[in-house]
């Protein structure tokens, strides 16, 4: 199991920004059986854990008077540097199942796509329920079954690991193939030269009339 060390945080509020200078970052741990606890993490260590675990794998937090199993529930990222600056950990109740969104990984080759069809990935993650020990890091979607245009893969077609249950309807579409539709260039509208000539003539006659009135 992936582990990360944490220490209880005394620095709160805006003062938490000072932790960045020491290579640390603020976080909080909470859950049904765990009171909300502000903590401090090593920033680089958290980036490593986030890359490996994502938000669907169990992380063991040490240093808080005993190990705590938790999920990385939410990460606040700097919009400029894309570096994590705060994280929420959801402490899991022992023996209880959890619901998480697990990434879908598309594998294999589709005969329809190879022949020129478009592959439409309707889903990029799947809501599942499982015991913490059974949570997969991701779920594979084998697109080799998409042999012809219009073929679809549904949630019920996915091979879920033992102990894992999908929390969405089995008829939901995961991926499909569709025909490539080429956009046709519209021909320029025909110009009615007679209409332009009539309009021009009308303007010329009006101008002549105005000139005659001015002389009078």
Protein backbone atom coordinates (compact mmCIF):
# COMPACT_ATOMS: atom_id res chain seq x y z
CA UNK A 1 0.00 0.00 0.00
CA UNK A 2 1.15 3.53 -0.78
CA UNK A 3 2.09 5.46 2.36
CA UNK A 4 2.68 9.10 3.19
CA UNK A 5 3.81 10.69 6.45
CA UNK A 6 1.85 13.55 7.98
CA UNK A 7 2.08 15.73 11.06
CA UNK A 8 -0.68 17.61 12.83
CA UNK A 9 -0.75 21.18 11.63
CA UNK A 10 -0.77 24.11 14.03
CA UNK A 11 -0.47 26.77 11.33
CA UNK A 12 -3.95 27.52 9.97
CA UNK A 13 -5.69 29.92 7.61
CA UNK A 14 -3.64 32.29 5.45
CA UNK A 15 -0.51 31.47 7.45
CA UNK A 16 -0.54 28.03 5.81
CA UNK A 17 0.93 29.61 2.67
CA UNK A 18 4.22 29.97 4.54
CA UNK A 19 4.62 26.18 4.52
CA UNK A 20 5.50 26.34 0.82
CA UNK A 21 8.83 27.98 1.60
CA UNK A 22 9.79 24.92 3.68
CA UNK A 23 8.77 22.43 0.99
CA UNK A 24 5.58 21.54 2.86
CA UNK A 25 1.90 21.77 1.99
CA UNK A 26 -1.29 21.87 4.06
CA UNK A 27 -3.93 19.15 3.97
CA UNK A 28 -6.85 17.89 6.01
CA UNK A 29 -7.97 14.38 6.97
CA UNK A 30 -11.63 13.66 7.76
CA UNK A 31 -14.21 10.89 7.56
CA UNK A 32 -17.29 9.29 9.14
CA UNK A 33 -15.27 8.02 12.10
CA UNK A 34 -12.46 10.56 11.98
CA UNK A 35 -12.68 14.14 13.19
CA UNK A 36 -11.41 16.74 10.75
CA UNK A 37 -7.67 17.06 11.35
CA UNK A 38 -5.43 19.70 9.70
CA UNK A 39 -2.09 18.14 8.72
CA UNK A 40 1.16 19.02 6.99
CA UNK A 41 2.74 16.93 4.23
CA UNK A 42 5.99 16.99 2.31
CA UNK A 43 5.02 18.64 -0.98
CA UNK A 44 7.26 16.50 -3.21
CA UNK A 45 6.18 13.31 -1.46
CA UNK A 46 2.54 14.19 -2.00
CA UNK A 47 3.11 14.80 -5.73
CA UNK A 48 4.67 11.34 -5.96
CA UNK A 49 1.79 9.72 -4.10
CA UNK A 50 -0.81 11.56 -6.18
CA UNK A 51 0.84 10.43 -9.42
CA UNK A 52 0.83 6.78 -8.31
CA UNK A 53 -2.44 6.57 -6.39
CA UNK A 54 -4.60 9.16 -8.11
CA UNK A 55 -7.96 9.65 -6.42
CA UNK A 56 -9.11 6.03 -6.56
CA UNK A 57 -6.42 4.10 -4.65
CA UNK A 58 -6.04 3.74 -0.90
CA UNK A 59 -3.27 5.73 0.74
CA UNK A 60 -1.98 4.91 4.23
CA UNK A 61 -1.29 8.02 6.29
CA UNK A 62 1.24 7.62 9.10
CA UNK A 63 2.37 9.90 11.89
CA UNK A 64 -1.02 10.70 13.41
CA UNK A 65 -0.93 8.28 16.31
CA UNK A 66 -1.61 5.26 14.14
CA UNK A 67 -2.01 4.54 10.44
CA UNK A 68 -5.11 5.80 8.66
CA UNK A 69 -6.39 4.44 5.37
CA UNK A 70 -7.75 7.21 3.17
CA UNK A 71 -8.55 8.33 -0.35
CA UNK A 72 -7.23 11.54 -1.87
CA UNK A 73 -10.61 13.21 -2.11
CA UNK A 74 -9.84 16.62 -3.56
CA UNK A 75 -6.72 18.50 -4.61
CA UNK A 76 -6.43 22.27 -5.00
CA UNK A 77 -3.94 23.06 -7.76
CA UNK A 78 -2.23 26.38 -8.51
CA UNK A 79 -3.76 27.59 -11.82
CA UNK A 80 -0.42 28.98 -13.01
CA UNK A 81 2.15 26.38 -11.91
CA UNK A 82 -0.21 23.34 -11.77
CA UNK A 83 1.42 22.43 -8.45
CA UNK A 84 -0.78 21.04 -5.66
CA UNK A 85 -1.23 23.51 -2.81
CA UNK A 86 -3.82 21.74 -0.62
CA UNK A 87 -5.38 18.29 -0.38
CA UNK A 88 -8.34 16.61 1.31
CA UNK A 89 -8.02 13.01 2.50
CA UNK A 90 -11.17 11.01 3.16
CA UNK A 91 -10.52 8.53 5.98
CA UNK A 92 -12.21 5.20 5.28
CA UNK A 93 -14.23 3.40 7.87
CA UNK A 94 -12.83 -0.10 8.40
CA UNK A 95 -15.04 -2.81 6.92
CA UNK A 96 -17.17 -0.33 4.98
CA UNK A 97 -17.34 -0.17 1.20
CA UNK A 98 -16.56 3.07 -0.59
CA UNK A 99 -17.74 4.68 -3.81
CA UNK A 100 -15.13 6.23 -6.08
CA UNK A 101 -14.72 7.27 -9.71
CA UNK A 102 -12.08 5.09 -11.34
CA UNK A 103 -10.35 6.11 -14.61
CA UNK A 104 -11.10 4.08 -17.73
CA UNK A 105 -8.12 2.99 -19.84
CA UNK A 106 -8.83 2.17 -23.48
CA UNK A 107 -6.83 -0.77 -24.84
CA UNK A 108 -6.77 -2.92 -27.98
CA UNK A 109 -7.43 -2.06 -31.62
CA UNK A 110 -10.79 -1.60 -33.31
CA UNK A 111 -11.29 -2.92 -36.85
CA UNK A 112 -13.85 -0.17 -37.46
CA UNK A 113 -11.45 2.56 -36.35
CA UNK A 114 -8.64 1.00 -38.36
CA UNK A 115 -10.93 1.23 -41.42
CA UNK A 116 -11.46 4.95 -40.84
CA UNK A 117 -14.35 5.24 -38.37
CA UNK A 118 -14.30 7.61 -35.42
CA UNK A 119 -13.90 6.24 -31.89
CA UNK A 120 -16.14 8.15 -29.49
CA UNK A 121 -15.13 7.77 -25.83
CA UNK A 122 -18.35 8.59 -24.01
CA UNK A 123 -16.95 7.81 -20.54
CA UNK A 124 -13.52 8.56 -19.13
CA UNK A 125 -14.19 7.27 -15.62
CA UNK A 126 -16.63 4.92 -13.94
CA UNK A 127 -18.37 5.22 -10.59
CA UNK A 128 -17.85 1.98 -8.65
CA UNK A 129 -18.35 0.57 -5.14
CA UNK A 130 -15.95 -1.83 -3.47
CA UNK A 131 -14.15 -2.67 -0.25
CA UNK A 132 -10.93 -0.62 0.13
CA UNK A 133 -8.77 -3.68 -0.52
CA UNK A 134 -10.61 -4.41 -3.80
CA UNK A 135 -10.41 -0.94 -5.32
CA UNK A 136 -8.72 -1.05 -8.75
CA UNK A 137 -6.38 1.73 -9.88
CA UNK A 138 -8.18 1.79 -13.24
CA UNK A 139 -10.51 -0.29 -15.43
CA UNK A 140 -9.64 -1.40 -18.94
CA UNK A 141 -11.99 -0.99 -21.89
CA UNK A 142 -11.14 -3.37 -24.75
CA UNK A 143 -12.14 -1.63 -27.99
CA UNK A 144 -11.28 -4.65 -30.15
CA UNK A 145 -14.98 -5.65 -29.96
CA UNK A 146 -15.88 -2.58 -32.02
CA UNK A 147 -15.77 -4.26 -35.42
CA UNK A 148 -18.25 -2.16 -37.41
CA UNK A 149 -19.60 1.38 -37.55
CA UNK A 150 -22.31 1.80 -34.93
CA UNK A 151 -20.95 -0.86 -32.55
CA UNK A 152 -21.11 0.10 -28.87
CA UNK A 153 -19.57 -0.92 -25.56
CA UNK A 154 -21.89 -0.67 -22.54
CA UNK A 155 -21.13 -0.66 -18.84
CA UNK A 156 -22.45 -4.22 -18.60
CA UNK A 157 -19.76 -5.30 -21.10
CA UNK A 158 -16.87 -4.20 -18.88
CA UNK A 159 -14.87 -6.85 -17.05
CA UNK A 160 -14.86 -5.59 -13.46
CA UNK A 161 -12.50 -7.07 -10.86
CA UNK A 162 -13.92 -9.36 -8.20
CA UNK A 163 -15.73 -7.45 -5.47
CA UNK A 164 -16.24 -4.37 -7.66
CA UNK A 165 -19.72 -3.15 -8.57
CA UNK A 166 -20.59 -0.43 -11.10
CA UNK A 167 -22.84 2.29 -9.68
CA UNK A 168 -24.29 3.36 -13.03
CA UNK A 169 -26.86 1.63 -15.23
CA UNK A 170 -25.50 -1.28 -17.24
CA UNK A 171 -27.07 0.11 -20.41
CA UNK A 172 -24.98 3.29 -20.25
CA UNK A 173 -22.72 3.63 -23.31
CA UNK A 174 -18.99 3.65 -22.62
CA UNK A 175 -17.70 3.95 -26.19
CA UNK A 176 -18.89 3.62 -29.78
CA UNK A 177 -17.80 3.96 -33.37
CA UNK A 178 -19.36 6.29 -35.89
CA UNK A 179 -18.93 7.18 -39.52
CA UNK A 180 -16.68 10.09 -40.37
CA UNK A 181 -18.80 12.84 -41.92
CA UNK A 182 -16.91 15.18 -44.22
CA UNK A 183 -17.98 18.79 -44.16
CA UNK A 184 -18.98 20.02 -47.60
CA UNK A 185 -17.92 23.50 -48.64
CA UNK A 186 -20.90 25.60 -49.56
CA UNK A 187 -20.77 27.08 -53.06
CA UNK A 188 -20.79 30.90 -53.09
CA UNK A 189 -24.23 32.35 -53.69
CA UNK A 190 -24.88 33.42 -57.29
CA UNK A 191 -24.74 37.16 -57.81
CA UNK A 192 -27.73 38.70 -59.63
CA UNK A 193 -26.00 41.24 -61.90
CA UNK A 194 -29.34 42.50 -63.29
CA UNK A 195 -30.47 43.44 -59.79
CA UNK A 196 -27.21 45.27 -59.12
CA UNK A 197 -27.55 47.16 -62.41
CA UNK A 198 -31.15 48.16 -61.66
CA UNK A 199 -30.19 49.31 -58.15
CA UNK A 200 -27.25 51.30 -59.50
CA UNK A 201 -29.44 52.86 -62.17
CA UNK A 202 -32.00 53.84 -59.56
CA UNK A 203 -29.31 55.54 -57.45
CA UNK A 204 -28.01 57.43 -60.48
CA UNK A 205 -31.48 58.73 -61.36
CA UNK A 206 -32.04 59.87 -57.78
CA UNK A 207 -28.73 61.71 -57.78
CA UNK A 208 -29.61 63.47 -61.04
CA UNK A 209 -32.95 64.53 -59.58
CA UNK A 210 -31.33 66.00 -56.49
CA UNK A 211 -28.82 67.89 -58.64
CA UNK A 212 -31.63 69.38 -60.76
CA UNK A 213 -33.51 70.55 -57.66
CA UNK A 214 -30.36 72.19 -56.35
CA UNK A 215 -29.98 74.25 -59.54
CA UNK A 216 -33.56 75.48 -59.27
